C-alpha atoms as a PDB file:
ATOM      1  CA  UNK A   1      23.919  -8.118 -49.553  1.00  0.00           C
ATOM      2  CA  UNK A   2      26.800  -6.752 -51.643  1.00  0.00           C
ATOM      3  CA  UNK A   3      27.102  -8.011 -55.197  1.00  0.00           C
ATOM      4  CA  UNK A   4      29.994  -8.144 -57.645  1.00  0.00           C
ATOM      5  CA  UNK A   5      30.027  -5.882 -60.684  1.00  0.00           C
ATOM      6  CA  UNK A   6      31.078  -7.356 -63.994  1.00  0.00           C
ATOM      7  CA  UNK A   7      32.791  -5.296 -66.659  1.00  0.00           C
ATOM      8  CA  UNK A   8      34.253  -2.629 -64.371  1.00  0.00           C
ATOM      9  CA  UNK A   9      37.890  -3.712 -64.712  1.00  0.00           C
ATOM     10  CA  UNK A  10      38.270  -5.360 -61.295  1.00  0.00           C
ATOM     11  CA  UNK A  11      38.873  -9.117 -61.169  1.00  0.00           C
ATOM     12  CA  UNK A  12      35.876 -11.059 -59.875  1.00  0.00           C
ATOM     13  CA  UNK A  13      37.947 -12.928 -57.290  1.00  0.00           C
ATOM     14  CA  UNK A  14      39.245  -9.605 -55.946  1.00  0.00           C
ATOM     15  CA  UNK A  15      35.704  -8.240 -55.614  1.00  0.00           C
ATOM     16  CA  UNK A  16      34.545 -11.386 -53.806  1.00  0.00           C
ATOM     17  CA  UNK A  17      37.530 -11.247 -51.488  1.00  0.00           C
ATOM     18  CA  UNK A  18      36.756  -7.606 -50.728  1.00  0.00           C
ATOM     19  CA  UNK A  19      33.086  -8.323 -49.992  1.00  0.00           C
ATOM     20  CA  UNK A  20      33.923 -11.191 -47.643  1.00  0.00           C
ATOM     21  CA  UNK A  21      36.655  -9.150 -45.941  1.00  0.00           C
ATOM     22  CA  UNK A  22      34.136  -6.374 -45.378  1.00  0.00           C
ATOM     23  CA  UNK A  23      31.698  -8.884 -43.867  1.00  0.00           C
ATOM     24  CA  UNK A  24      34.442 -10.062 -41.494  1.00  0.00           C
ATOM     25  CA  UNK A  25      35.616  -6.586 -40.472  1.00  0.00           C
ATOM     26  CA  UNK A  26      32.035  -5.402 -39.872  1.00  0.00           C
ATOM     27  CA  UNK A  27      31.214  -8.498 -37.824  1.00  0.00           C
ATOM     28  CA  UNK A  28      28.670  -9.983 -40.210  1.00  0.00           C
ATOM     29  CA  UNK A  29      30.977 -13.010 -40.194  1.00  0.00           C
ATOM     30  CA  UNK A  30      32.114 -13.504 -36.590  1.00  0.00           C
ATOM     31  CA  UNK A  31      35.421 -14.817 -35.273  1.00  0.00           C
ATOM     32  CA  UNK A  32      35.468 -18.598 -35.425  1.00  0.00           C
ATOM     33  CA  UNK A  33      32.463 -18.759 -37.753  1.00  0.00           C
ATOM     34  CA  UNK A  34      32.702 -21.109 -40.711  1.00  0.00           C
ATOM     35  CA  UNK A  35      32.493 -19.574 -44.166  1.00  0.00           C
ATOM     36  CA  UNK A  36      29.968 -20.999 -46.617  1.00  0.00           C
ATOM     37  CA  UNK A  37      31.386 -23.762 -48.809  1.00  0.00           C
ATOM     38  CA  UNK A  38      33.048 -22.980 -52.126  1.00  0.00           C
ATOM     39  CA  UNK A  39      29.958 -24.292 -53.909  1.00  0.00           C
ATOM     40  CA  UNK A  40      27.640 -22.058 -51.852  1.00  0.00           C
ATOM     41  CA  UNK A  41      29.795 -19.000 -52.508  1.00  0.00           C
ATOM     42  CA  UNK A  42      29.986 -19.862 -56.197  1.00  0.00           C
ATOM     43  CA  UNK A  43      26.168 -19.911 -56.340  1.00  0.00           C
ATOM     44  CA  UNK A  44      25.877 -16.673 -54.329  1.00  0.00           C
ATOM     45  CA  UNK A  45      28.218 -14.752 -56.659  1.00  0.00           C
ATOM     46  CA  UNK A  46      27.388 -16.710 -59.837  1.00  0.00           C
ATOM     47  CA  UNK A  47      31.014 -17.634 -60.495  1.00  0.00           C
ATOM     48  CA  UNK A  48      32.975 -20.885 -60.727  1.00  0.00           C
ATOM     49  CA  UNK A  49      34.618 -22.486 -57.700  1.00  0.00           C
ATOM     50  CA  UNK A  50      38.130 -21.667 -58.941  1.00  0.00           C
ATOM     51  CA  UNK A  51      37.294 -17.966 -58.650  1.00  0.00           C
ATOM     52  CA  UNK A  52      35.976 -18.534 -55.130  1.00  0.00           C
ATOM     53  CA  UNK A  53      39.083 -20.467 -54.088  1.00  0.00           C
ATOM     54  CA  UNK A  54      41.291 -17.622 -55.323  1.00  0.00           C
ATOM     55  CA  UNK A  55      39.224 -15.124 -53.319  1.00  0.00           C
ATOM     56  CA  UNK A  56      39.531 -17.240 -50.162  1.00  0.00           C
ATOM     57  CA  UNK A  57      43.284 -17.645 -50.708  1.00  0.00           C
ATOM     58  CA  UNK A  58      43.571 -13.855 -50.733  1.00  0.00           C
ATOM     59  CA  UNK A  59      41.733 -13.713 -47.389  1.00  0.00           C
ATOM     60  CA  UNK A  60      44.161 -16.281 -45.984  1.00  0.00           C
ATOM     61  CA  UNK A  61      47.109 -14.152 -47.082  1.00  0.00           C
ATOM     62  CA  UNK A  62      45.587 -11.265 -45.099  1.00  0.00           C
ATOM     63  CA  UNK A  63      45.207 -13.609 -42.106  1.00  0.00           C
ATOM     64  CA  UNK A  64      41.452 -12.997 -42.028  1.00  0.00           C
ATOM     65  CA  UNK A  65      40.531 -16.674 -42.407  1.00  0.00           C
ATOM     66  CA  UNK A  66      42.142 -20.055 -41.808  1.00  0.00           C
ATOM     67  CA  UNK A  67      41.509 -23.375 -43.528  1.00  0.00           C
ATOM     68  CA  UNK A  68      41.413 -26.580 -41.495  1.00  0.00           C
ATOM     69  CA  UNK A  69      41.977 -29.791 -43.402  1.00  0.00           C
ATOM     70  CA  UNK A  70      38.791 -31.813 -43.673  1.00  0.00           C
ATOM     71  CA  UNK A  71      36.676 -29.166 -41.905  1.00  0.00           C
ATOM     72  CA  UNK A  72      36.492 -26.007 -43.986  1.00  0.00           C
ATOM     73  CA  UNK A  73      37.405 -22.329 -43.783  1.00  0.00           C
ATOM     74  CA  UNK A  74      36.845 -20.232 -40.664  1.00  0.00           C
ATOM     75  CA  UNK A  75      37.128 -16.585 -39.698  1.00  0.00           C
ATOM     76  CA  UNK A  76      40.420 -16.181 -37.879  1.00  0.00           C
ATOM     77  CA  UNK A  77      40.304 -15.562 -34.137  1.00  0.00           C
ATOM     78  CA  UNK A  78      42.813 -13.391 -32.330  1.00  0.00           C
ATOM     79  CA  UNK A  79      45.984 -15.326 -31.470  1.00  0.00           C
ATOM     80  CA  UNK A  80      46.748 -16.088 -27.836  1.00  0.00           C
ATOM     81  CA  UNK A  81      49.674 -14.272 -26.236  1.00  0.00           C
ATOM     82  CA  UNK A  82      51.792 -17.065 -24.737  1.00  0.00           C
ATOM     83  CA  UNK A  83      54.492 -15.785 -22.339  1.00  0.00           C
ATOM     84  CA  UNK A  84      57.918 -17.454 -22.383  1.00  0.00           C
ATOM     85  CA  UNK A  85      59.734 -16.716 -19.140  1.00  0.00           C
ATOM     86  CA  UNK A  86      61.919 -18.329 -16.478  1.00  0.00           C
ATOM     87  CA  UNK A  87      58.798 -20.050 -15.142  1.00  0.00           C
ATOM     88  CA  UNK A  88      56.796 -21.022 -18.211  1.00  0.00           C
ATOM     89  CA  UNK A  89      53.773 -23.144 -17.245  1.00  0.00           C
ATOM     90  CA  UNK A  90      51.149 -24.123 -19.844  1.00  0.00           C
ATOM     91  CA  UNK A  91      48.227 -24.539 -17.439  1.00  0.00           C
ATOM     92  CA  UNK A  92      48.947 -21.270 -15.661  1.00  0.00           C
ATOM     93  CA  UNK A  93      49.302 -19.417 -18.951  1.00  0.00           C
ATOM     94  CA  UNK A  94      45.917 -20.721 -20.115  1.00  0.00           C
ATOM     95  CA  UNK A  95      44.332 -19.843 -16.773  1.00  0.00           C
ATOM     96  CA  UNK A  96      45.705 -16.296 -17.028  1.00  0.00           C
ATOM     97  CA  UNK A  97      44.185 -16.024 -20.514  1.00  0.00           C
ATOM     98  CA  UNK A  98      40.836 -17.305 -19.178  1.00  0.00           C
ATOM     99  CA  UNK A  99      40.653 -20.162 -21.660  1.00  0.00           C
ATOM    100  CA  UNK A 100      39.850 -23.825 -21.065  1.00  0.00           C
ATOM    101  CA  UNK A 101      42.973 -25.957 -21.430  1.00  0.00           C
ATOM    102  CA  UNK A 102      43.295 -29.648 -22.205  1.00  0.00           C
ATOM    103  CA  UNK A 103      46.345 -31.888 -22.666  1.00  0.00           C
ATOM    104  CA  UNK A 104      46.129 -35.165 -24.593  1.00  0.00           C
ATOM    105  CA  UNK A 105      48.918 -37.721 -24.158  1.00  0.00           C
ATOM    106  CA  UNK A 106      49.654 -39.328 -27.511  1.00  0.00           C
ATOM    107  CA  UNK A 107      52.351 -41.758 -26.451  1.00  0.00           C
ATOM    108  CA  UNK A 108      55.256 -42.332 -24.081  1.00  0.00           C
ATOM    109  CA  UNK A 109      58.383 -44.464 -24.293  1.00  0.00           C
ATOM    110  CA  UNK A 110      61.579 -45.327 -22.437  1.00  0.00           C
ATOM    111  CA  UNK A 111      64.445 -45.016 -24.897  1.00  0.00           C
ATOM    112  CA  UNK A 112      67.962 -43.804 -25.516  1.00  0.00           C
ATOM    113  CA  UNK A 113      67.379 -40.208 -26.657  1.00  0.00           C
ATOM    114  CA  UNK A 114      69.117 -38.431 -29.536  1.00  0.00           C
ATOM    115  CA  UNK A 115      72.669 -37.282 -28.657  1.00  0.00           C
ATOM    116  CA  UNK A 116      71.735 -33.602 -28.462  1.00  0.00           C
ATOM    117  CA  UNK A 117      68.971 -34.404 -25.967  1.00  0.00           C
ATOM    118  CA  UNK A 118      71.299 -36.494 -23.785  1.00  0.00           C
ATOM    119  CA  UNK A 119      73.822 -33.671 -23.833  1.00  0.00           C
ATOM    120  CA  UNK A 120      71.200 -31.076 -22.920  1.00  0.00           C
ATOM    121  CA  UNK A 121      70.051 -33.223 -19.979  1.00  0.00           C
ATOM    122  CA  UNK A 122      73.679 -33.837 -18.877  1.00  0.00           C
ATOM    123  CA  UNK A 123      73.130 -37.589 -19.322  1.00  0.00           C
ATOM    124  CA  UNK A 124      75.502 -40.318 -20.436  1.00  0.00           C
ATOM    125  CA  UNK A 125      74.910 -40.942 -24.126  1.00  0.00           C
ATOM    126  CA  UNK A 126      73.852 -44.528 -23.390  1.00  0.00           C
ATOM    127  CA  UNK A 127      71.463 -43.595 -20.564  1.00  0.00           C
ATOM    128  CA  UNK A 128      67.699 -43.893 -20.956  1.00  0.00           C
ATOM    129  CA  UNK A 129      65.143 -41.111 -20.956  1.00  0.00           C
ATOM    130  CA  UNK A 130      61.373 -40.995 -20.976  1.00  0.00           C
ATOM    131  CA  UNK A 131      59.813 -39.408 -24.048  1.00  0.00           C
ATOM    132  CA  UNK A 132      56.252 -38.092 -23.796  1.00  0.00           C
ATOM    133  CA  UNK A 133      54.301 -36.771 -26.800  1.00  0.00           C
ATOM    134  CA  UNK A 134      51.321 -34.499 -26.176  1.00  0.00           C
ATOM    135  CA  UNK A 135      48.796 -32.290 -27.922  1.00  0.00           C
ATOM    136  CA  UNK A 136      47.608 -29.187 -26.060  1.00  0.00           C
ATOM    137  CA  UNK A 137      44.300 -27.437 -26.747  1.00  0.00           C
ATOM    138  CA  UNK A 138      42.871 -24.094 -25.715  1.00  0.00           C
ATOM    139  CA  UNK A 139      39.098 -23.754 -25.953  1.00  0.00           C
ATOM    140  CA  UNK A 140      39.121 -26.829 -28.176  1.00  0.00           C
ATOM    141  CA  UNK A 141      41.725 -25.530 -30.638  1.00  0.00           C
ATOM    142  CA  UNK A 142      45.101 -27.247 -31.032  1.00  0.00           C
ATOM    143  CA  UNK A 143      47.789 -24.806 -29.898  1.00  0.00           C
ATOM    144  CA  UNK A 144      50.822 -27.074 -29.737  1.00  0.00           C
ATOM    145  CA  UNK A 145      52.322 -30.491 -30.286  1.00  0.00           C
ATOM    146  CA  UNK A 146      55.101 -31.253 -27.808  1.00  0.00           C
ATOM    147  CA  UNK A 147      57.838 -33.800 -27.242  1.00  0.00           C
ATOM    148  CA  UNK A 148      59.334 -33.854 -23.745  1.00  0.00           C
ATOM    149  CA  UNK A 149      62.294 -35.867 -22.441  1.00  0.00           C
ATOM    150  CA  UNK A 150      63.041 -36.630 -18.775  1.00  0.00           C
ATOM    151  CA  UNK A 151      66.027 -38.553 -17.296  1.00  0.00           C
ATOM    152  CA  UNK A 152      64.669 -42.041 -16.580  1.00  0.00           C
ATOM    153  CA  UNK A 153      67.188 -42.836 -13.815  1.00  0.00           C
ATOM    154  CA  UNK A 154      66.044 -39.867 -11.731  1.00  0.00           C
ATOM    155  CA  UNK A 155      62.317 -40.099 -12.452  1.00  0.00           C
ATOM    156  CA  UNK A 156      61.474 -43.805 -12.412  1.00  0.00           C
ATOM    157  CA  UNK A 157      57.916 -44.404 -13.618  1.00  0.00           C
ATOM    158  CA  UNK A 158      57.327 -40.771 -14.595  1.00  0.00           C
ATOM    159  CA  UNK A 159      55.007 -41.423 -17.604  1.00  0.00           C
ATOM    160  CA  UNK A 160      52.309 -43.073 -15.474  1.00  0.00           C
ATOM    161  CA  UNK A 161      52.410 -40.148 -13.030  1.00  0.00           C
ATOM    162  CA  UNK A 162      52.170 -37.647 -15.874  1.00  0.00           C
ATOM    163  CA  UNK A 163      49.227 -39.478 -17.446  1.00  0.00           C
ATOM    164  CA  UNK A 164      47.429 -39.211 -14.115  1.00  0.00           C
ATOM    165  CA  UNK A 165      48.220 -35.541 -13.430  1.00  0.00           C
ATOM    166  CA  UNK A 166      48.565 -34.080 -16.991  1.00  0.00           C
ATOM    167  CA  UNK A 167      50.937 -31.445 -15.607  1.00  0.00           C
ATOM    168  CA  UNK A 168      54.735 -31.283 -15.749  1.00  0.00           C
ATOM    169  CA  UNK A 169      54.858 -29.092 -12.641  1.00  0.00           C
ATOM    170  CA  UNK A 170      52.727 -31.421 -10.531  1.00  0.00           C
ATOM    171  CA  UNK A 171      54.485 -34.498 -11.901  1.00  0.00           C
ATOM    172  CA  UNK A 172      57.932 -33.177 -10.973  1.00  0.00           C
ATOM    173  CA  UNK A 173      56.625 -32.240  -7.530  1.00  0.00           C
ATOM    174  CA  UNK A 174      55.772 -35.919  -7.029  1.00  0.00           C
ATOM    175  CA  UNK A 175      59.486 -36.642  -7.496  1.00  0.00           C
ATOM    176  CA  UNK A 176      60.626 -33.920  -5.090  1.00  0.00           C
ATOM    177  CA  UNK A 177      61.290 -31.163  -7.645  1.00  0.00           C
ATOM    178  CA  UNK A 178      59.383 -28.362  -5.946  1.00  0.00           C
ATOM    179  CA  UNK A 179      60.469 -25.677  -8.389  1.00  0.00           C
ATOM    180  CA  UNK A 180      62.234 -25.441 -11.738  1.00  0.00           C
ATOM    181  CA  UNK A 181      63.181 -22.670 -14.158  1.00  0.00           C
ATOM    182  CA  UNK A 182      63.735 -22.262 -17.853  1.00  0.00           C
ATOM    183  CA  UNK A 183      67.451 -22.548 -18.463  1.00  0.00           C
ATOM    184  CA  UNK A 184      67.440 -22.245 -22.235  1.00  0.00           C
ATOM    185  CA  UNK A 185      64.938 -21.318 -24.966  1.00  0.00           C
ATOM    186  CA  UNK A 186      65.477 -21.272 -28.707  1.00  0.00           C
ATOM    187  CA  UNK A 187      62.668 -20.137 -31.011  1.00  0.00           C
ATOM    188  CA  UNK A 188      62.508 -20.547 -34.775  1.00  0.00           C
ATOM    189  CA  UNK A 189      59.872 -20.734 -37.482  1.00  0.00           C
ATOM    190  CA  UNK A 190      59.764 -23.745 -39.766  1.00  0.00           C
ATOM    191  CA  UNK A 191      57.397 -25.699 -41.963  1.00  0.00           C
ATOM    192  CA  UNK A 192      55.944 -28.789 -40.275  1.00  0.00           C
ATOM    193  CA  UNK A 193      56.610 -32.268 -41.582  1.00  0.00           C
ATOM    194  CA  UNK A 194      53.642 -34.369 -42.701  1.00  0.00           C
ATOM    195  CA  UNK A 195      53.353 -36.111 -39.310  1.00  0.00           C
ATOM    196  CA  UNK A 196      53.271 -32.827 -37.377  1.00  0.00           C
ATOM    197  CA  UNK A 197      50.830 -31.227 -39.825  1.00  0.00           C
ATOM    198  CA  UNK A 198      48.473 -34.206 -39.507  1.00  0.00           C
ATOM    199  CA  UNK A 199      48.517 -34.108 -35.709  1.00  0.00           C
ATOM    200  CA  UNK A 200      48.033 -30.342 -35.606  1.00  0.00           C
ATOM    201  CA  UNK A 201      45.392 -30.478 -38.361  1.00  0.00           C
ATOM    202  CA  UNK A 202      47.068 -27.844 -40.497  1.00  0.00           C
ATOM    203  CA  UNK A 203      48.612 -27.576 -43.934  1.00  0.00           C
ATOM    204  CA  UNK A 204      52.289 -28.388 -44.455  1.00  0.00           C
ATOM    205  CA  UNK A 205      52.839 -24.950 -46.005  1.00  0.00           C
ATOM    206  CA  UNK A 206      51.769 -23.129 -42.805  1.00  0.00           C
ATOM    207  CA  UNK A 207      54.759 -22.464 -40.517  1.00  0.00           C
ATOM    208  CA  UNK A 208      54.862 -23.499 -36.875  1.00  0.00           C
ATOM    209  CA  UNK A 209      56.807 -21.806 -34.083  1.00  0.00           C
ATOM    210  CA  UNK A 210      59.453 -24.343 -33.104  1.00  0.00           C
ATOM    211  CA  UNK A 211      60.624 -23.951 -29.498  1.00  0.00           C
ATOM    212  CA  UNK A 212      63.465 -25.966 -27.974  1.00  0.00           C
ATOM    213  CA  UNK A 213      63.807 -25.610 -24.217  1.00  0.00           C
ATOM    214  CA  UNK A 214      65.643 -26.912 -21.162  1.00  0.00           C
ATOM    215  CA  UNK A 215      64.189 -26.726 -17.650  1.00  0.00           C
ATOM    216  CA  UNK A 216      66.435 -27.135 -14.608  1.00  0.00           C
ATOM    217  CA  UNK A 217      65.827 -27.563 -10.884  1.00  0.00           C
ATOM    218  CA  UNK A 218      66.963 -25.037  -8.261  1.00  0.00           C
ATOM    219  CA  UNK A 219      70.445 -26.589  -8.260  1.00  0.00           C
ATOM    220  CA  UNK A 220      70.743 -26.008 -12.005  1.00  0.00           C
ATOM    221  CA  UNK A 221      70.429 -29.712 -12.883  1.00  0.00           C
ATOM    222  CA  UNK A 222      68.364 -30.248 -16.084  1.00  0.00           C
ATOM    223  CA  UNK A 223      65.071 -32.072 -15.495  1.00  0.00           C
ATOM    224  CA  UNK A 224      63.339 -31.687 -18.864  1.00  0.00           C
ATOM    225  CA  UNK A 225      64.221 -31.127 -22.499  1.00  0.00           C
ATOM    226  CA  UNK A 226      61.327 -30.048 -24.667  1.00  0.00           C
ATOM    227  CA  UNK A 227      60.453 -29.483 -28.304  1.00  0.00           C
ATOM    228  CA  UNK A 228      57.184 -27.621 -28.718  1.00  0.00           C
ATOM    229  CA  UNK A 229      55.627 -26.834 -32.066  1.00  0.00           C
ATOM    230  CA  UNK A 230      53.184 -23.973 -31.585  1.00  0.00           C
ATOM    231  CA  UNK A 231      50.468 -23.189 -34.100  1.00  0.00           C
ATOM    232  CA  UNK A 232      51.383 -19.899 -35.731  1.00  0.00           C
ATOM    233  CA  UNK A 233      47.680 -19.253 -36.312  1.00  0.00           C
ATOM    234  CA  UNK A 234      46.696 -19.604 -32.651  1.00  0.00           C
ATOM    235  CA  UNK A 235      49.730 -18.519 -30.666  1.00  0.00           C
ATOM    236  CA  UNK A 236      51.953 -15.458 -30.402  1.00  0.00           C
ATOM    237  CA  UNK A 237      55.012 -16.055 -28.247  1.00  0.00           C
ATOM    238  CA  UNK A 238      55.820 -13.217 -25.858  1.00  0.00           C
ATOM    239  CA  UNK A 239      59.369 -13.307 -24.507  1.00  0.00           C
ATOM    240  CA  UNK A 240      59.290 -11.951 -20.963  1.00  0.00           C
ATOM    241  CA  UNK A 241      62.246 -10.135 -19.373  1.00  0.00           C
ATOM    242  CA  UNK A 242      62.280 -11.574 -15.857  1.00  0.00           C
ATOM    243  CA  UNK A 243      63.738  -9.315 -13.249  1.00  0.00           C
END
């Protein structure tokens, strides 16, 4: 087991960071494995916990580890490549990646949506829409927090169907929308608000990939407006050039 060397002109935190990085790169600490606690590392290297925290922060900057609030620090896994195309489907994407997917419905409501949502869905500004909030997981890890809007007049009772099927594609099929395509996608990076960070179990200073999208049926009529906040630690968006 590598040890730090005092008095050789290299900061202790830097030596500790280097030793742990070496353990990760050599596989002694495996992807997804939890690092020992700050107290345990402080005892191992005979330093104070502040020094350990600085060493771990350096590993985070190199994207070798991630810290989950209330759980600890873990060796970073490889991010999932998530294709964004004309036919973006969460379940199919997860199946193609050979990972186990799960969607949790947080809440749903019938409400008058924000003006920009009504405009995107080609709705009257006083018309109602269904809003559905979900958390999506891949192999148990939170990959996104989504807000989806659907025109209530066209899809009466949609939330109960979605709760039963947990699939936008299958839900829309129940209402006669056999196929739909991505009409618009806008991607940006931004810091999450406190609510989003709490739901996604991440720090507020860790950016999320913020995706606004519009899906339309084969006639070009919008059927869904979505805001998806992808975890930057778990997801890499791949923009596909459909032929």
